[in-house]
N, C-alpha and C. Protein backbone atom coordinates (compact mmCIF):
# COMPACT_ATOMS: atom_id res chain seq x y z
N MET A 1 0.84 -1.17 0.00
CA MET A 1 0.00 0.00 0.00
C MET A 1 0.88 1.24 0.00
N GLN A 2 0.35 2.28 -0.61
CA GLN A 2 1.08 3.54 -0.58
C GLN A 2 0.10 4.70 -0.44
N PHE A 3 0.59 5.78 0.17
CA PHE A 3 -0.21 6.99 0.26
C PHE A 3 -0.21 7.69 -1.09
N ALA A 4 -1.35 8.28 -1.45
CA ALA A 4 -1.44 9.07 -2.68
C ALA A 4 -2.49 10.14 -2.49
N ARG A 5 -2.37 11.18 -3.28
CA ARG A 5 -3.34 12.28 -3.28
C ARG A 5 -4.12 12.22 -4.58
N VAL A 6 -5.45 12.32 -4.50
CA VAL A 6 -6.28 12.35 -5.71
C VAL A 6 -6.08 13.70 -6.39
N VAL A 7 -5.61 13.66 -7.64
CA VAL A 7 -5.28 14.91 -8.36
C VAL A 7 -6.12 15.12 -9.61
N GLY A 8 -6.94 14.15 -9.99
CA GLY A 8 -7.76 14.35 -11.19
C GLY A 8 -8.64 13.17 -11.52
N ASN A 9 -9.47 13.38 -12.52
CA ASN A 9 -10.36 12.34 -13.04
C ASN A 9 -9.85 11.86 -14.39
N VAL A 10 -10.17 10.63 -14.73
CA VAL A 10 -9.86 10.08 -16.04
C VAL A 10 -11.16 9.57 -16.63
N VAL A 11 -11.53 10.09 -17.79
CA VAL A 11 -12.78 9.70 -18.44
C VAL A 11 -12.45 8.95 -19.71
N CYS A 12 -13.02 7.76 -19.84
CA CYS A 12 -12.82 6.92 -21.02
C CYS A 12 -14.20 6.51 -21.55
N THR A 13 -14.56 6.99 -22.73
CA THR A 13 -15.87 6.64 -23.26
C THR A 13 -15.90 5.21 -23.78
N ARG A 14 -14.73 4.67 -24.11
CA ARG A 14 -14.65 3.27 -24.53
C ARG A 14 -13.62 2.57 -23.66
N LYS A 15 -14.04 1.47 -23.05
CA LYS A 15 -13.11 0.70 -22.23
C LYS A 15 -13.59 -0.74 -22.18
N ASP A 16 -12.76 -1.61 -21.67
CA ASP A 16 -13.08 -3.02 -21.54
C ASP A 16 -14.42 -3.16 -20.81
N ASP A 17 -15.21 -4.12 -21.24
CA ASP A 17 -16.53 -4.34 -20.63
C ASP A 17 -16.47 -4.53 -19.12
N LYS A 18 -15.39 -5.14 -18.63
CA LYS A 18 -15.26 -5.39 -17.19
C LYS A 18 -15.05 -4.10 -16.40
N LEU A 19 -14.72 -3.02 -17.09
CA LEU A 19 -14.49 -1.74 -16.42
C LEU A 19 -15.65 -0.76 -16.57
N VAL A 20 -16.67 -1.14 -17.30
CA VAL A 20 -17.83 -0.27 -17.46
C VAL A 20 -18.44 0.00 -16.09
N GLY A 21 -18.69 1.27 -15.80
CA GLY A 21 -19.27 1.66 -14.52
C GLY A 21 -18.24 1.95 -13.44
N THR A 22 -16.97 1.78 -13.73
CA THR A 22 -15.95 2.09 -12.74
C THR A 22 -15.53 3.54 -12.85
N LYS A 23 -15.13 4.10 -11.73
CA LYS A 23 -14.63 5.48 -11.68
C LYS A 23 -13.12 5.41 -11.67
N LEU A 24 -12.49 6.13 -12.61
CA LEU A 24 -11.04 6.17 -12.72
C LEU A 24 -10.54 7.52 -12.21
N LEU A 25 -9.56 7.49 -11.32
CA LEU A 25 -8.99 8.72 -10.79
C LEU A 25 -7.48 8.74 -11.01
N MET A 26 -6.94 9.93 -11.21
CA MET A 26 -5.49 10.09 -11.28
C MET A 26 -5.02 10.39 -9.86
N VAL A 27 -4.04 9.64 -9.41
CA VAL A 27 -3.49 9.84 -8.07
C VAL A 27 -1.99 10.07 -8.15
N GLN A 28 -1.50 10.89 -7.25
CA GLN A 28 -0.07 11.18 -7.15
C GLN A 28 0.45 10.56 -5.87
N PRO A 29 1.32 9.55 -5.96
CA PRO A 29 1.92 9.00 -4.74
C PRO A 29 2.64 10.11 -3.97
N VAL A 30 2.47 10.11 -2.63
CA VAL A 30 3.08 11.14 -1.79
C VAL A 30 3.68 10.53 -0.53
N SER A 31 4.59 11.29 0.08
CA SER A 31 5.12 10.92 1.39
C SER A 31 4.15 11.43 2.45
N LEU A 32 4.37 11.08 3.70
CA LEU A 32 3.53 11.58 4.78
C LEU A 32 3.64 13.10 4.91
N GLU A 33 4.75 13.65 4.45
CA GLU A 33 4.95 15.10 4.49
C GLU A 33 4.25 15.79 3.32
N GLY A 34 3.64 15.01 2.43
CA GLY A 34 2.92 15.58 1.30
C GLY A 34 3.76 15.80 0.06
N GLU A 35 5.01 15.34 0.07
CA GLU A 35 5.89 15.52 -1.09
C GLU A 35 5.61 14.44 -2.12
N ASN A 36 5.58 14.85 -3.39
CA ASN A 36 5.35 13.89 -4.48
C ASN A 36 6.45 12.85 -4.52
N LYS A 37 6.05 11.60 -4.81
CA LYS A 37 6.98 10.48 -4.92
C LYS A 37 6.68 9.75 -6.23
N GLY A 38 7.49 10.00 -7.24
CA GLY A 38 7.28 9.30 -8.49
C GLY A 38 6.22 9.94 -9.37
N ASN A 39 5.77 9.15 -10.34
CA ASN A 39 4.82 9.64 -11.33
C ASN A 39 3.38 9.39 -10.91
N PRO A 40 2.46 10.24 -11.38
CA PRO A 40 1.04 9.99 -11.13
C PRO A 40 0.61 8.69 -11.80
N LEU A 41 -0.47 8.09 -11.32
CA LEU A 41 -0.99 6.88 -11.94
C LEU A 41 -2.51 6.90 -11.92
N VAL A 42 -3.10 6.06 -12.71
CA VAL A 42 -4.55 5.94 -12.78
C VAL A 42 -4.96 4.75 -11.93
N ALA A 43 -5.98 4.97 -11.09
CA ALA A 43 -6.45 3.91 -10.19
C ALA A 43 -7.97 3.83 -10.23
N ILE A 44 -8.47 2.62 -10.09
CA ILE A 44 -9.91 2.40 -9.94
C ILE A 44 -10.29 2.89 -8.54
N ASP A 45 -11.39 3.63 -8.44
CA ASP A 45 -11.86 4.10 -7.14
C ASP A 45 -12.88 3.10 -6.59
N ALA A 46 -12.49 2.37 -5.56
CA ALA A 46 -13.38 1.36 -4.97
C ALA A 46 -14.12 1.89 -3.74
N VAL A 47 -13.84 3.15 -3.34
CA VAL A 47 -14.40 3.64 -2.07
C VAL A 47 -15.06 5.01 -2.14
N GLY A 48 -15.16 5.63 -3.29
CA GLY A 48 -15.81 6.93 -3.41
C GLY A 48 -14.93 8.10 -3.02
N ALA A 49 -13.66 8.05 -3.36
CA ALA A 49 -12.73 9.13 -3.03
C ALA A 49 -13.02 10.36 -3.88
N GLY A 50 -12.55 11.51 -3.38
CA GLY A 50 -12.77 12.76 -4.09
C GLY A 50 -11.49 13.54 -4.29
N ALA A 51 -11.59 14.59 -5.06
CA ALA A 51 -10.44 15.43 -5.39
C ALA A 51 -9.74 15.93 -4.13
N GLY A 52 -8.42 15.83 -4.13
CA GLY A 52 -7.61 16.33 -3.03
C GLY A 52 -7.47 15.42 -1.83
N GLU A 53 -8.22 14.33 -1.78
CA GLU A 53 -8.16 13.47 -0.60
C GLU A 53 -6.89 12.62 -0.58
N LEU A 54 -6.42 12.36 0.64
CA LEU A 54 -5.32 11.43 0.86
C LEU A 54 -5.92 10.04 0.90
N VAL A 55 -5.39 9.13 0.09
CA VAL A 55 -5.94 7.79 -0.02
C VAL A 55 -4.83 6.75 0.08
N LEU A 56 -5.24 5.49 0.25
CA LEU A 56 -4.31 4.36 0.18
C LEU A 56 -4.57 3.64 -1.13
N VAL A 57 -3.50 3.37 -1.84
CA VAL A 57 -3.58 2.71 -3.14
C VAL A 57 -2.81 1.39 -3.07
N VAL A 58 -3.41 0.35 -3.62
CA VAL A 58 -2.71 -0.92 -3.78
C VAL A 58 -2.51 -1.16 -5.26
N SER A 59 -1.45 -1.89 -5.57
CA SER A 59 -1.17 -2.14 -6.99
C SER A 59 -0.81 -3.60 -7.21
N GLY A 60 -0.67 -3.96 -8.48
CA GLY A 60 -0.38 -5.34 -8.82
C GLY A 60 -1.55 -6.24 -8.53
N SER A 61 -1.27 -7.48 -8.16
CA SER A 61 -2.35 -8.44 -7.92
C SER A 61 -3.25 -8.03 -6.76
N SER A 62 -2.73 -7.27 -5.80
CA SER A 62 -3.54 -6.79 -4.68
C SER A 62 -4.66 -5.86 -5.15
N ALA A 63 -4.45 -5.19 -6.27
CA ALA A 63 -5.46 -4.26 -6.80
C ALA A 63 -6.72 -4.99 -7.25
N ARG A 64 -6.63 -6.28 -7.44
CA ARG A 64 -7.78 -7.06 -7.90
C ARG A 64 -8.45 -7.83 -6.75
N GLN A 65 -8.20 -7.42 -5.52
CA GLN A 65 -8.73 -8.13 -4.37
C GLN A 65 -9.94 -7.45 -3.73
N THR A 66 -10.43 -6.35 -4.30
CA THR A 66 -11.62 -5.71 -3.74
C THR A 66 -12.85 -6.27 -4.44
N LYS A 67 -14.02 -6.06 -3.83
CA LYS A 67 -15.27 -6.52 -4.44
C LYS A 67 -15.45 -5.92 -5.83
N ARG A 68 -15.09 -4.67 -5.96
CA ARG A 68 -15.30 -3.93 -7.21
C ARG A 68 -14.34 -4.37 -8.32
N THR A 69 -13.17 -4.85 -7.96
CA THR A 69 -12.13 -5.11 -8.96
C THR A 69 -11.81 -6.58 -9.18
N GLU A 70 -12.40 -7.47 -8.40
CA GLU A 70 -12.08 -8.90 -8.50
C GLU A 70 -12.26 -9.42 -9.92
N GLY A 71 -11.19 -10.01 -10.46
CA GLY A 71 -11.24 -10.60 -11.79
C GLY A 71 -11.19 -9.59 -12.93
N ASN A 72 -10.94 -8.32 -12.63
CA ASN A 72 -10.91 -7.29 -13.66
C ASN A 72 -9.48 -6.89 -14.02
N PRO A 73 -9.28 -6.32 -15.21
CA PRO A 73 -7.95 -5.92 -15.65
C PRO A 73 -7.53 -4.61 -14.97
N VAL A 74 -7.10 -4.72 -13.72
CA VAL A 74 -6.78 -3.54 -12.90
C VAL A 74 -5.38 -3.69 -12.33
N ASP A 75 -4.62 -2.58 -12.34
CA ASP A 75 -3.27 -2.61 -11.78
C ASP A 75 -3.13 -1.70 -10.56
N ALA A 76 -4.10 -0.80 -10.33
CA ALA A 76 -4.05 0.07 -9.15
C ALA A 76 -5.48 0.36 -8.69
N THR A 77 -5.70 0.27 -7.38
CA THR A 77 -7.02 0.51 -6.80
C THR A 77 -6.92 1.38 -5.56
N ILE A 78 -7.79 2.38 -5.49
CA ILE A 78 -7.93 3.17 -4.26
C ILE A 78 -8.84 2.33 -3.36
N MET A 79 -8.29 1.89 -2.23
CA MET A 79 -9.07 1.00 -1.37
C MET A 79 -9.36 1.58 0.00
N ALA A 80 -8.91 2.84 0.24
CA ALA A 80 -9.21 3.49 1.52
C ALA A 80 -9.00 4.99 1.41
N ILE A 81 -9.81 5.74 2.15
CA ILE A 81 -9.63 7.18 2.30
C ILE A 81 -9.07 7.40 3.70
N VAL A 82 -7.96 8.09 3.81
CA VAL A 82 -7.26 8.25 5.09
C VAL A 82 -7.94 9.33 5.94
N ASP A 83 -8.28 8.98 7.18
CA ASP A 83 -8.84 9.94 8.14
C ASP A 83 -7.74 10.56 8.99
N PHE A 84 -6.85 9.71 9.51
CA PHE A 84 -5.69 10.24 10.23
C PHE A 84 -4.59 9.19 10.24
N VAL A 85 -3.36 9.67 10.48
CA VAL A 85 -2.20 8.79 10.57
C VAL A 85 -1.47 9.13 11.86
N GLU A 86 -1.20 8.11 12.65
CA GLU A 86 -0.43 8.27 13.88
C GLU A 86 0.93 7.61 13.68
N LYS A 87 1.98 8.33 14.01
CA LYS A 87 3.33 7.79 13.89
C LYS A 87 4.10 8.15 15.17
N ASP A 88 4.69 7.17 15.79
CA ASP A 88 5.45 7.37 17.03
C ASP A 88 4.63 8.10 18.10
N GLY A 89 3.35 7.75 18.19
CA GLY A 89 2.49 8.32 19.20
C GLY A 89 1.97 9.72 18.91
N LYS A 90 2.27 10.25 17.72
CA LYS A 90 1.81 11.59 17.36
C LYS A 90 0.99 11.53 16.08
N ILE A 91 -0.05 12.35 16.01
CA ILE A 91 -0.85 12.45 14.80
C ILE A 91 -0.05 13.27 13.79
N VAL A 92 0.30 12.65 12.66
CA VAL A 92 1.08 13.34 11.63
C VAL A 92 0.22 13.77 10.43
N PHE A 93 -1.01 13.25 10.37
CA PHE A 93 -1.97 13.68 9.36
C PHE A 93 -3.36 13.52 9.93
N LYS A 94 -4.18 14.54 9.74
CA LYS A 94 -5.58 14.48 10.15
C LYS A 94 -6.40 15.11 9.06
N LYS A 95 -7.38 14.36 8.54
CA LYS A 95 -8.17 14.81 7.39
C LYS A 95 -8.80 16.18 7.62
N SER A 96 -9.37 16.40 8.80
CA SER A 96 -10.03 17.69 9.06
C SER A 96 -9.06 18.86 9.08
N ALA A 97 -7.78 18.59 9.31
CA ALA A 97 -6.77 19.66 9.34
C ALA A 97 -6.04 19.79 8.00
N ASP A 98 -6.33 18.90 7.06
CA ASP A 98 -5.66 18.90 5.76
C ASP A 98 -6.17 20.07 4.92
N LYS A 99 -5.25 20.80 4.36
CA LYS A 99 -5.63 21.93 3.50
C LYS A 99 -4.92 21.85 2.19
């Protein structure tokens, strides 16, 4: 799993039948400090994430383990929206404080 920030939508009018009805989002992998890590990627949204939210993304075979993606041609899935992160006993990210 990796942290990522939702940075955009991807719209495809034609796609594989197994992906019809799925929401595709562009996500930017980030560090806990909010710094970009690597290139943006397209992920299936399995949880109803929105623009700017910090999410957890799984990739590879793990991306096909959600109810929404099982057996589908998927390489990255948003499988959680982050509410807060605690590290070493301190809150290092809190959704309500995220700007």
